[in-house]
Amino acid sequence: MAEPWDLSTALVATEIVKPGDTVWIHAGTYRGGFVSRLSGRPGTPVVVRGERGGRVTIDTQPRDGDERDNGLFLMLGADAVYRDFEVTCSHPLRETKIAGSWPADIRRGNIDVRGDRVSVVNLVVHDCGSGFGFWAEGEGGEISGCLIYNNGWRGPDRGHGHAIYAQNARGTKRIVDNVVFHQFAYGIHVYGSEKASLKGFEIDGNIAFENGCLTRKGDNAPGIMVGGGSAAERIAVRDNVIVGGGIRLGYPWGTISEDVVCTGNYSEGLVLRDFRKATVMHNTLVASSTVVSLEGAERLLLGGLRWNENDYHVTDGRWGECSVVESAKSRGLSFTQWRETTGLDSKSTFTKGAPSKSRVIVRPNAHEPGRAHLAVLNPQKLPEVEVDLSRVLKSGQRFRIVSVKDVFGEPLVSGLYEDRPVRVPMKPVTSPQPVGMPNAELPVTEPHFAAFVVLPEQGALTKPEDPSP
């Protein structure tokens, strides 16, 4: 500790850092791109971790005068865990006149995961070119417990930059218990051309809201999208909460995919296109119009569908409550017509109107005891809600609750857990302004919806004395 390495050296010290070792990153700001080649072994990873009680920030703005520095934090190697630090970009440019995904004047960097069985845990990732690239070169891996927001830029063609852009060929990639909001483009984007591989994903327990809003006011991109030019297979989308955007499974100009499980989600709409097998059950789907759509490039693929026991809510329905698309021809349907046309949803419920009861979703963190994400759906506009944290905290444990919009700020609730529900206020919280866009108009979701982080008093996001890196 008396003679620390610089970060670039530590991340390539493969002869010194061995399976089971932990590399601690001291509090401070580290600018530029970095490459990690550290490797553990299956079951005994190397851990790269931010110092507890301090704020560790990787600023992916390329170093001055270094044309080779692209700002990427590139994670190679294998069997490594990266956790408990912040990744951002301080460069103010967020708009370009150059169309496409690689404009020369946008050099914001991001996290690129290409190693085998790499886990990224409890990071705060914001204002980068995108949040994560989670690529097929690496077998499996996990992105878990991260807060991902304000990533991307505006181009003349569209908004660019997703929270997570993923492909996979070997094993299963897990995208679990993240909160993704206010990207310039999509939330979780599992996509690729006909040459890409989209095989093996578990997308579970994520909270996604108002993605796409930074491109144009009122725009919403899907919170979760899976599909592209190659067939998606072994896809599971479970227990996610999507607000201000929906779930799309199957790309509009893609190919026929193999199999997907979509269960237990709350989403503002669902589109499923051209899957040979699909299980769609126990979802709550809410929209003003067209709450669910089934699509086929030529004809509907109905034979492999297990689709029932869902709860649908449509508040308007002027464009139809449901729809089917065959050979590019769309038909708006009432829910009764949907059942008759598709043979689906015989035991599902349909309500003309929004859900009436508040709902609290608690997702305990798999990697840090005492930590959890909360999603609160509050159609009654209650000023506060009661939250049962018995699966998260122990009696007498100190804790605090912060908004996902202000994770380094003052807690909304703090104290000792006393084995009873905790009251959480649903008041508006100011969203973090995107770097370089101090006057951006961001949607206000409270009191209808809010997301929070529960933290143990000495957790990884313990508020430092000076929260500004």
Protein backbone atom coordinates (compact mmCIF):
# COMPACT_ATOMS: atom_id res chain seq x y z
CA MET A 1 0.00 0.00 0.00
CA ALA A 2 2.96 2.32 0.59
CA GLU A 3 4.13 1.96 -3.01
CA PRO A 4 1.01 1.47 -5.13
CA TRP A 5 1.14 0.65 -8.83
CA ASP A 6 -0.32 2.99 -11.37
CA LEU A 7 -3.60 1.58 -12.69
CA SER A 8 -2.31 0.73 -16.16
CA THR A 9 0.46 -1.39 -14.66
CA ALA A 10 -1.79 -3.14 -12.16
CA LEU A 11 -4.25 -4.25 -14.84
CA VAL A 12 -1.59 -6.08 -16.85
CA ALA A 13 0.47 -7.50 -13.96
CA THR A 14 -0.37 -11.06 -14.97
CA GLU A 15 2.86 -12.51 -13.57
CA ILE A 16 2.18 -11.07 -10.11
CA VAL A 17 -1.62 -11.01 -9.69
CA LYS A 18 -2.79 -14.60 -9.21
CA PRO A 19 -6.17 -16.35 -8.92
CA GLY A 20 -7.85 -15.29 -5.67
CA ASP A 21 -5.97 -11.99 -5.40
CA THR A 22 -7.70 -8.61 -5.06
CA VAL A 23 -6.39 -5.44 -6.70
CA TRP A 24 -7.67 -2.43 -4.73
CA ILE A 25 -8.02 0.86 -6.61
CA HIS A 26 -7.34 3.89 -4.40
CA ALA A 27 -9.86 6.75 -4.33
CA GLY A 28 -9.30 9.29 -7.08
CA THR A 29 -9.84 9.90 -10.78
CA TYR A 30 -8.02 7.89 -13.46
CA ARG A 31 -8.25 9.39 -16.93
CA GLY A 32 -8.12 7.68 -20.32
CA GLY A 33 -8.52 4.19 -21.69
CA PHE A 34 -7.26 1.11 -19.87
CA VAL A 35 -6.68 -2.52 -20.81
CA SER A 36 -6.95 -5.32 -18.26
CA ARG A 37 -5.46 -8.74 -18.99
CA LEU A 38 -5.85 -10.17 -15.50
CA SER A 39 -6.96 -13.79 -15.20
CA GLY A 40 -8.01 -16.03 -12.38
CA ARG A 41 -9.38 -19.49 -12.86
CA PRO A 42 -12.96 -20.85 -12.77
CA GLY A 43 -14.23 -20.53 -9.21
CA THR A 44 -11.20 -18.50 -8.09
CA PRO A 45 -11.33 -15.15 -9.87
CA VAL A 46 -9.07 -12.15 -9.66
CA VAL A 47 -10.99 -9.20 -8.19
CA VAL A 48 -10.44 -5.55 -9.17
CA ARG A 49 -12.25 -3.40 -6.64
CA GLY A 50 -12.72 0.23 -5.71
CA GLU A 51 -11.52 1.32 -2.27
CA ARG A 52 -14.29 1.27 0.32
CA GLY A 53 -15.39 4.63 1.65
CA GLY A 54 -13.84 6.57 -1.23
CA ARG A 55 -14.94 7.47 -4.72
CA VAL A 56 -12.99 5.71 -7.45
CA THR A 57 -13.65 7.19 -10.90
CA ILE A 58 -12.43 6.08 -14.32
CA ASP A 59 -12.77 9.05 -16.71
CA THR A 60 -12.80 7.58 -20.22
CA GLN A 61 -12.01 10.89 -21.91
CA PRO A 62 -8.91 10.07 -24.01
CA ARG A 63 -5.65 11.48 -22.70
CA ASP A 64 -4.50 14.73 -24.30
CA GLY A 65 -2.19 14.24 -27.26
CA ASP A 66 -2.50 10.44 -27.32
CA GLU A 67 -4.17 9.50 -30.60
CA ARG A 68 -3.99 5.81 -29.69
CA ASP A 69 -6.12 6.35 -26.60
CA ASN A 70 -9.73 5.60 -27.57
CA GLY A 71 -11.05 5.83 -24.03
CA LEU A 72 -12.09 2.18 -23.85
CA PHE A 73 -11.86 0.29 -20.60
CA LEU A 74 -11.13 -3.06 -22.26
CA MET A 75 -11.59 -6.14 -20.07
CA LEU A 76 -9.72 -9.11 -21.52
CA GLY A 77 -8.28 -12.06 -19.58
CA ALA A 78 -10.64 -14.52 -17.91
CA ASP A 79 -12.31 -15.29 -14.59
CA ALA A 80 -12.11 -11.76 -13.23
CA VAL A 81 -14.51 -9.58 -11.24
CA TYR A 82 -14.58 -5.77 -11.55
CA ARG A 83 -16.64 -4.07 -8.90
CA ASP A 84 -17.50 -1.01 -6.82
CA PHE A 85 -16.26 1.95 -8.86
CA GLU A 86 -17.51 4.63 -11.23
CA VAL A 87 -16.90 4.94 -14.97
CA THR A 88 -17.76 8.19 -16.74
CA CYS A 89 -16.52 10.66 -19.37
CA SER A 90 -15.97 14.36 -18.65
CA HIS A 91 -15.77 15.55 -22.28
CA PRO A 92 -18.67 17.97 -22.97
CA LEU A 93 -19.39 17.15 -26.66
CA ARG A 94 -22.72 15.27 -26.92
CA GLU A 95 -23.88 16.14 -30.44
CA THR A 96 -22.33 15.61 -33.87
CA LYS A 97 -23.18 16.39 -37.48
CA ILE A 98 -21.66 13.06 -38.55
CA ALA A 99 -24.15 10.20 -39.00
CA GLY A 100 -23.43 6.62 -38.00
CA SER A 101 -21.99 4.81 -35.02
CA TRP A 102 -18.37 6.00 -35.27
CA PRO A 103 -18.26 9.80 -35.66
CA ALA A 104 -14.69 11.06 -35.49
CA ASP A 105 -15.51 13.91 -33.13
CA ILE A 106 -17.23 11.76 -30.47
CA ARG A 107 -14.54 10.05 -28.38
CA ARG A 108 -16.27 9.20 -25.15
CA GLY A 109 -15.12 5.65 -24.43
CA ASN A 110 -17.05 2.91 -22.66
CA ILE A 111 -16.53 -0.47 -21.01
CA ASP A 112 -15.77 -3.31 -23.45
CA VAL A 113 -16.02 -6.81 -21.97
CA ARG A 114 -14.31 -9.41 -24.17
CA GLY A 115 -12.76 -11.83 -21.69
CA ASP A 116 -14.10 -15.25 -20.69
CA ARG A 117 -16.33 -15.41 -17.61
CA VAL A 118 -15.81 -11.77 -16.67
CA SER A 119 -18.19 -10.33 -14.06
CA VAL A 120 -18.86 -6.62 -13.67
CA VAL A 121 -20.59 -5.86 -10.39
CA ASN A 122 -22.10 -2.77 -8.74
CA LEU A 123 -20.52 -0.16 -11.00
CA VAL A 124 -21.93 3.31 -11.66
CA VAL A 125 -21.55 3.96 -15.40
CA HIS A 126 -22.70 7.24 -16.90
CA ASP A 127 -22.04 9.80 -19.64
CA CYS A 128 -19.87 7.47 -21.73
CA GLY A 129 -20.29 6.74 -25.44
CA SER A 130 -22.30 3.73 -24.35
CA GLY A 131 -22.41 1.89 -21.07
CA PHE A 132 -21.14 -1.60 -21.86
CA GLY A 133 -20.16 -3.58 -24.89
CA PHE A 134 -20.64 -7.20 -23.79
CA TRP A 135 -19.24 -9.15 -26.69
CA ALA A 136 -19.26 -12.69 -28.08
CA GLU A 137 -15.46 -13.06 -27.92
CA GLY A 138 -15.90 -13.77 -24.23
CA GLU A 139 -17.62 -16.89 -22.95
CA GLY A 140 -20.53 -16.14 -20.67
CA GLY A 141 -19.98 -13.51 -17.99
CA GLU A 142 -22.19 -11.22 -15.95
CA ILE A 143 -23.19 -7.58 -15.59
CA SER A 144 -24.92 -7.31 -12.23
CA GLY A 145 -26.09 -4.60 -9.85
CA CYS A 146 -24.88 -1.68 -11.98
CA LEU A 147 -26.42 1.79 -12.34
CA ILE A 148 -26.17 2.89 -15.98
CA TYR A 149 -27.44 6.28 -17.18
CA ASN A 150 -26.93 9.27 -19.52
CA ASN A 151 -24.80 7.33 -22.01
CA GLY A 152 -24.54 8.20 -25.71
CA TRP A 153 -24.81 11.18 -28.04
CA ARG A 154 -27.07 12.80 -30.62
CA GLY A 155 -26.38 12.35 -34.31
CA PRO A 156 -28.20 13.77 -37.34
CA ASP A 157 -29.67 10.31 -37.98
CA ARG A 158 -30.73 9.24 -34.45
CA GLY A 159 -29.65 8.89 -30.88
CA HIS A 160 -26.66 6.61 -30.33
CA GLY A 161 -25.47 4.77 -27.24
CA HIS A 162 -27.19 1.99 -25.31
CA ALA A 163 -26.78 1.03 -21.68
CA ILE A 164 -25.70 -2.50 -22.64
CA TYR A 165 -24.99 -3.73 -26.18
CA ALA A 166 -24.53 -7.49 -26.09
CA GLN A 167 -23.78 -10.54 -28.25
CA ASN A 168 -22.85 -14.08 -27.18
CA ALA A 169 -21.75 -17.36 -28.74
CA ARG A 170 -20.59 -19.60 -25.84
CA GLY A 171 -22.11 -20.25 -22.47
CA THR A 172 -24.70 -17.85 -21.06
CA LYS A 173 -24.34 -14.15 -20.43
CA ARG A 174 -26.23 -12.84 -17.40
CA ILE A 175 -27.57 -9.26 -17.33
CA VAL A 176 -29.08 -9.14 -13.88
CA ASP A 177 -30.41 -6.56 -11.41
CA ASN A 178 -29.14 -3.44 -13.16
CA VAL A 179 -30.87 -0.05 -13.29
CA VAL A 180 -30.64 1.57 -16.72
CA PHE A 181 -32.17 4.96 -17.52
CA HIS A 182 -31.87 8.08 -19.68
CA GLN A 183 -29.65 6.63 -22.43
CA PHE A 184 -29.65 8.35 -25.82
CA ALA A 185 -30.76 5.05 -27.36
CA TYR A 186 -31.90 1.67 -25.98
CA GLY A 187 -31.59 0.22 -22.52
CA ILE A 188 -30.51 -3.43 -22.95
CA HIS A 189 -29.77 -4.12 -26.63
CA VAL A 190 -29.02 -7.72 -27.65
CA TYR A 191 -28.54 -7.23 -31.36
CA GLY A 192 -26.26 -7.96 -34.31
CA SER A 193 -26.09 -8.50 -38.04
CA GLU A 194 -26.43 -11.89 -39.72
CA LYS A 195 -22.77 -12.50 -38.80
CA ALA A 196 -23.32 -11.94 -35.08
CA SER A 197 -24.27 -14.54 -32.46
CA LEU A 198 -27.19 -14.00 -30.08
CA LYS A 199 -27.17 -17.28 -28.16
CA GLY A 200 -27.62 -17.63 -24.44
CA PHE A 201 -28.82 -14.68 -22.35
CA GLU A 202 -30.45 -14.36 -18.94
CA ILE A 203 -31.93 -10.87 -18.59
CA ASP A 204 -33.40 -10.88 -15.11
CA GLY A 205 -34.51 -8.37 -12.51
CA ASN A 206 -33.43 -5.21 -14.31
CA ILE A 207 -35.14 -1.82 -13.92
CA ALA A 208 -35.21 0.30 -17.09
CA PHE A 209 -36.92 3.65 -17.45
CA GLU A 210 -37.13 6.51 -19.94
CA ASN A 211 -34.36 5.29 -22.22
CA GLY A 212 -34.16 7.27 -25.46
CA CYS A 213 -35.39 10.45 -23.78
CA LEU A 214 -32.14 12.35 -24.41
CA THR A 215 -32.54 12.23 -28.19
CA ARG A 216 -35.89 13.99 -28.44
CA LYS A 217 -38.32 15.05 -25.76
CA GLY A 218 -40.99 12.41 -25.37
CA ASP A 219 -39.06 9.73 -27.26
CA ASN A 220 -38.82 6.30 -25.69
CA ALA A 221 -36.66 3.43 -26.88
CA PRO A 222 -37.23 -0.17 -25.77
CA GLY A 223 -35.96 -0.96 -22.32
CA ILE A 224 -35.08 -4.44 -23.59
CA MET A 225 -34.60 -5.47 -27.22
CA VAL A 226 -33.44 -8.90 -28.40
CA GLY A 227 -33.05 -9.80 -32.06
CA GLY A 228 -31.23 -9.03 -35.28
CA GLY A 229 -29.95 -10.54 -38.47
CA SER A 230 -29.11 -13.88 -36.83
CA ALA A 231 -31.37 -16.20 -34.87
CA ALA A 232 -31.66 -15.55 -31.14
CA GLU A 233 -31.83 -18.66 -28.98
CA ARG A 234 -31.74 -19.61 -25.31
CA ILE A 235 -33.13 -16.23 -24.30
CA ALA A 236 -34.72 -15.61 -20.89
CA VAL A 237 -36.32 -12.26 -19.98
CA ARG A 238 -37.67 -12.52 -16.44
CA ASP A 239 -38.91 -10.23 -13.68
CA ASN A 240 -37.81 -6.93 -15.22
CA VAL A 241 -39.52 -3.55 -14.73
CA ILE A 242 -39.74 -1.37 -17.85
CA VAL A 243 -41.24 2.15 -17.62
CA GLY A 244 -41.29 4.64 -20.50
CA GLY A 245 -40.45 1.99 -23.08
CA GLY A 246 -41.28 -1.65 -23.62
CA ILE A 247 -39.88 -5.06 -24.46
CA ARG A 248 -39.23 -6.08 -28.07
CA LEU A 249 -38.28 -9.68 -28.82
CA GLY A 250 -37.44 -10.14 -32.50
CA TYR A 251 -36.10 -7.45 -34.82
CA PRO A 252 -38.38 -5.87 -37.46
CA TRP A 253 -36.06 -6.84 -40.33
CA GLY A 254 -34.46 -9.86 -38.69
CA THR A 255 -34.62 -13.59 -39.17
CA ILE A 256 -36.67 -16.30 -37.46
CA SER A 257 -35.37 -16.94 -33.94
CA GLU A 258 -35.47 -20.12 -31.88
CA ASP A 259 -36.71 -19.79 -28.30
CA VAL A 260 -37.45 -17.24 -25.60
CA VAL A 261 -38.96 -17.21 -22.11
CA CYS A 262 -40.63 -13.93 -21.11
CA THR A 263 -42.17 -14.18 -17.65
CA GLY A 264 -42.92 -12.06 -14.61
CA ASN A 265 -42.13 -8.71 -16.21
CA TYR A 266 -43.83 -5.35 -15.76
CA SER A 267 -43.56 -3.49 -19.07
CA GLU A 268 -45.18 -0.71 -21.03
CA GLY A 269 -45.93 -3.00 -23.94
CA LEU A 270 -44.54 -6.17 -25.51
CA VAL A 271 -43.75 -7.06 -29.12
CA LEU A 272 -42.82 -10.61 -30.12
CA ARG A 273 -41.75 -11.39 -33.68
CA ASP A 274 -40.89 -14.68 -35.35
CA PHE A 275 -39.86 -17.03 -32.53
CA ARG A 276 -40.39 -20.75 -33.10
CA LYS A 277 -40.92 -21.28 -29.36
CA ALA A 278 -41.94 -18.71 -26.77
CA THR A 279 -43.26 -18.82 -23.22
CA VAL A 280 -45.04 -15.56 -22.34
CA MET A 281 -46.67 -15.82 -18.92
CA HIS A 282 -47.37 -13.90 -15.71
CA ASN A 283 -46.44 -10.52 -17.18
CA THR A 284 -48.15 -7.23 -16.37
CA LEU A 285 -48.34 -5.15 -19.55
CA VAL A 286 -49.57 -1.55 -19.55
CA ALA A 287 -50.00 0.91 -22.45
CA SER A 288 -52.20 3.71 -23.70
CA SER A 289 -52.81 1.72 -26.93
CA THR A 290 -51.54 -1.55 -28.42
CA VAL A 291 -50.33 -3.22 -25.27
CA VAL A 292 -49.17 -6.37 -27.07
CA SER A 293 -48.22 -7.19 -30.66
CA LEU A 294 -47.46 -10.51 -32.33
CA GLU A 295 -45.58 -10.24 -35.62
CA GLY A 296 -44.53 -12.51 -38.45
CA ALA A 297 -42.46 -11.61 -41.47
CA GLU A 298 -44.78 -13.81 -43.54
CA ARG A 299 -47.24 -15.47 -41.16
CA LEU A 300 -47.71 -15.75 -37.42
CA LEU A 301 -45.74 -18.58 -35.79
CA LEU A 302 -48.34 -19.86 -33.32
CA GLY A 303 -47.48 -23.54 -32.93
CA GLY A 304 -44.69 -23.12 -30.39
CA LEU A 305 -46.30 -20.46 -28.19
CA ARG A 306 -47.16 -21.00 -24.52
CA TRP A 307 -48.85 -17.68 -23.79
CA ASN A 308 -51.25 -17.20 -20.90
CA GLU A 309 -52.02 -15.84 -17.43
CA ASN A 310 -50.88 -12.31 -18.25
CA ASP A 311 -52.45 -9.10 -16.93
CA TYR A 312 -53.13 -6.42 -19.56
CA HIS A 313 -54.06 -2.76 -19.02
CA VAL A 314 -54.94 -0.28 -21.79
CA THR A 315 -55.78 3.29 -20.83
CA ASP A 316 -56.95 4.58 -24.24
CA GLY A 317 -56.96 2.02 -27.04
CA ARG A 318 -57.85 4.36 -29.89
CA TRP A 319 -55.32 2.54 -32.11
CA GLY A 320 -56.42 -0.88 -30.92
CA GLU A 321 -55.76 -2.75 -27.73
CA CYS A 322 -53.61 -5.42 -29.40
CA SER A 323 -52.21 -6.01 -32.87
CA VAL A 324 -50.97 -8.70 -35.23
CA VAL A 325 -48.61 -8.12 -38.15
CA GLU A 326 -48.28 -10.53 -41.08
CA SER A 327 -46.40 -9.81 -44.31
CA ALA A 328 -46.00 -6.15 -43.26
CA LYS A 329 -49.77 -5.75 -42.84
CA SER A 330 -50.84 -4.65 -39.38
CA ARG A 331 -54.27 -5.18 -37.83
CA GLY A 332 -55.42 -3.47 -34.67
CA LEU A 333 -57.55 -5.75 -32.51
CA SER A 334 -59.64 -5.59 -29.39
CA PHE A 335 -58.55 -7.99 -26.66
CA THR A 336 -61.48 -10.27 -27.52
CA GLN A 337 -60.43 -10.29 -31.17
CA TRP A 338 -56.83 -10.97 -30.11
CA ARG A 339 -57.91 -14.09 -28.26
CA GLU A 340 -60.02 -15.26 -31.19
CA THR A 341 -57.33 -14.57 -33.79
CA THR A 342 -54.34 -16.03 -31.96
CA GLY A 343 -55.85 -18.58 -29.57
CA LEU A 344 -53.69 -17.07 -26.82
CA ASP A 345 -54.39 -15.65 -23.35
CA SER A 346 -57.47 -17.73 -22.51
CA LYS A 347 -56.76 -17.30 -18.77
CA SER A 348 -55.32 -13.78 -18.94
CA THR A 349 -57.03 -10.64 -17.65
CA PHE A 350 -57.71 -7.38 -19.46
CA THR A 351 -58.59 -4.03 -17.87
CA LYS A 352 -59.56 -0.81 -19.61
CA GLY A 353 -57.57 1.53 -17.41
CA ALA A 354 -54.29 1.69 -15.53
CA PRO A 355 -53.42 -0.60 -12.62
CA SER A 356 -54.98 0.77 -9.45
CA LYS A 357 -52.75 -0.60 -6.71
CA SER A 358 -49.21 0.37 -5.81
CA ARG A 359 -46.53 -2.26 -6.25
CA VAL A 360 -43.05 -2.49 -4.72
CA ILE A 361 -40.39 -4.75 -6.22
CA VAL A 362 -37.36 -5.57 -4.05
CA ARG A 363 -34.27 -7.09 -5.70
CA PRO A 364 -31.59 -8.07 -3.15
CA ASN A 365 -28.04 -7.71 -4.44
CA ALA A 366 -26.33 -11.05 -5.06
CA HIS A 367 -22.84 -9.68 -4.33
CA GLU A 368 -23.24 -7.34 -1.34
CA PRO A 369 -25.32 -8.22 1.74
CA GLY A 370 -27.58 -5.39 2.82
CA ARG A 371 -27.82 -3.91 -0.67
CA ALA A 372 -30.85 -3.99 -2.99
CA HIS A 373 -32.63 -2.20 -5.81
CA LEU A 374 -36.22 -1.06 -5.36
CA ALA A 375 -38.77 -0.28 -8.06
CA VAL A 376 -41.98 1.41 -6.90
CA LEU A 377 -45.03 1.59 -9.17
CA ASN A 378 -47.40 4.07 -7.55
CA PRO A 379 -50.54 4.74 -9.62
CA GLN A 380 -52.29 6.04 -6.51
CA LYS A 381 -49.67 8.82 -6.25
CA LEU A 382 -49.11 8.09 -2.59
CA PRO A 383 -46.64 10.52 -0.97
CA GLU A 384 -44.78 7.58 0.53
CA VAL A 385 -44.87 3.80 0.34
CA GLU A 386 -44.02 1.04 2.79
CA VAL A 387 -41.23 -1.34 1.78
CA ASP A 388 -40.54 -4.73 3.33
CA LEU A 389 -36.75 -5.08 3.57
CA SER A 390 -36.69 -8.27 5.62
CA ARG A 391 -34.98 -10.15 2.77
CA VAL A 392 -32.25 -7.48 2.60
CA LEU A 393 -31.42 -6.25 6.11
CA LYS A 394 -30.84 -7.79 9.52
CA SER A 395 -32.47 -6.50 12.67
CA GLY A 396 -30.45 -3.60 14.07
CA GLN A 397 -28.45 -3.11 10.87
CA ARG A 398 -27.71 0.46 9.81
CA PHE A 399 -28.86 1.32 6.30
CA ARG A 400 -29.69 4.16 3.97
CA ILE A 401 -31.85 4.49 0.87
CA VAL A 402 -30.89 6.77 -2.02
CA SER A 403 -32.56 7.54 -5.32
CA VAL A 404 -30.88 5.98 -8.36
CA LYS A 405 -30.79 9.55 -9.68
CA ASP A 406 -28.57 10.71 -6.80
CA VAL A 407 -26.52 7.72 -5.66
CA PHE A 408 -23.68 9.79 -4.18
CA GLY A 409 -26.05 12.26 -2.53
CA GLU A 410 -27.90 12.51 0.74
CA PRO A 411 -30.14 9.57 1.68
CA LEU A 412 -33.90 9.85 1.50
CA VAL A 413 -34.16 7.42 4.41
CA SER A 414 -31.54 6.23 6.90
CA GLY A 415 -31.39 4.60 10.28
CA LEU A 416 -31.53 1.22 12.02
CA TYR A 417 -33.64 -1.55 10.57
CA GLU A 418 -36.25 -2.58 13.15
CA ASP A 419 -37.99 -5.59 11.56
CA ARG A 420 -40.86 -3.54 10.20
CA PRO A 421 -41.69 -1.92 6.86
CA VAL A 422 -39.67 1.17 5.98
CA ARG A 423 -41.47 4.26 4.68
CA VAL A 424 -39.91 5.65 1.50
CA PRO A 425 -40.94 9.09 0.14
CA MET A 426 -42.10 9.32 -3.47
CA LYS A 427 -41.18 12.98 -3.94
CA PRO A 428 -39.50 14.14 -7.17
CA VAL A 429 -35.71 13.84 -7.27
CA THR A 430 -33.70 15.96 -9.70
CA SER A 431 -32.20 13.80 -12.43
CA PRO A 432 -28.45 14.07 -13.08
CA GLN A 433 -27.88 16.38 -16.04
CA PRO A 434 -25.87 14.79 -18.85
CA VAL A 435 -22.29 16.05 -19.04
CA GLY A 436 -22.23 18.85 -21.61
CA MET A 437 -26.04 19.30 -21.54
CA PRO A 438 -26.80 21.45 -18.48
CA ASN A 439 -30.23 22.44 -19.79
CA ALA A 440 -31.49 19.04 -20.90
CA GLU A 441 -35.19 18.50 -20.19
CA LEU A 442 -35.51 15.18 -18.42
CA PRO A 443 -38.76 13.39 -17.61
CA VAL A 444 -40.09 13.42 -14.06
CA THR A 445 -41.47 10.02 -13.09
CA GLU A 446 -42.29 10.59 -9.43
CA PRO A 447 -44.68 10.05 -7.76
CA HIS A 448 -45.98 7.52 -10.34
CA PHE A 449 -42.68 5.62 -10.44
CA ALA A 450 -39.32 5.71 -8.70
CA ALA A 451 -36.25 3.51 -8.28
CA PHE A 452 -33.95 3.38 -5.28
CA VAL A 453 -30.83 1.70 -3.92
CA VAL A 454 -30.75 0.25 -0.41
CA LEU A 455 -27.23 0.35 1.00
CA PRO A 456 -25.64 -0.95 4.19
CA GLU A 457 -24.06 1.91 6.13
CA GLN A 458 -20.52 0.85 5.21
CA GLY A 459 -21.34 -0.28 1.68
CA ALA A 460 -19.41 0.36 -1.50
CA LEU A 461 -21.30 3.60 -2.19
CA THR A 462 -20.55 5.06 1.24
CA LYS A 463 -20.67 8.81 0.76
CA PRO A 464 -17.11 10.22 0.68
CA GLU A 465 -16.24 13.51 2.36
CA ASP A 466 -15.87 15.16 -1.06
CA PRO A 467 -18.20 13.46 -3.57
CA SER A 468 -16.72 15.33 -6.51
CA PRO A 469 -13.85 13.36 -8.09
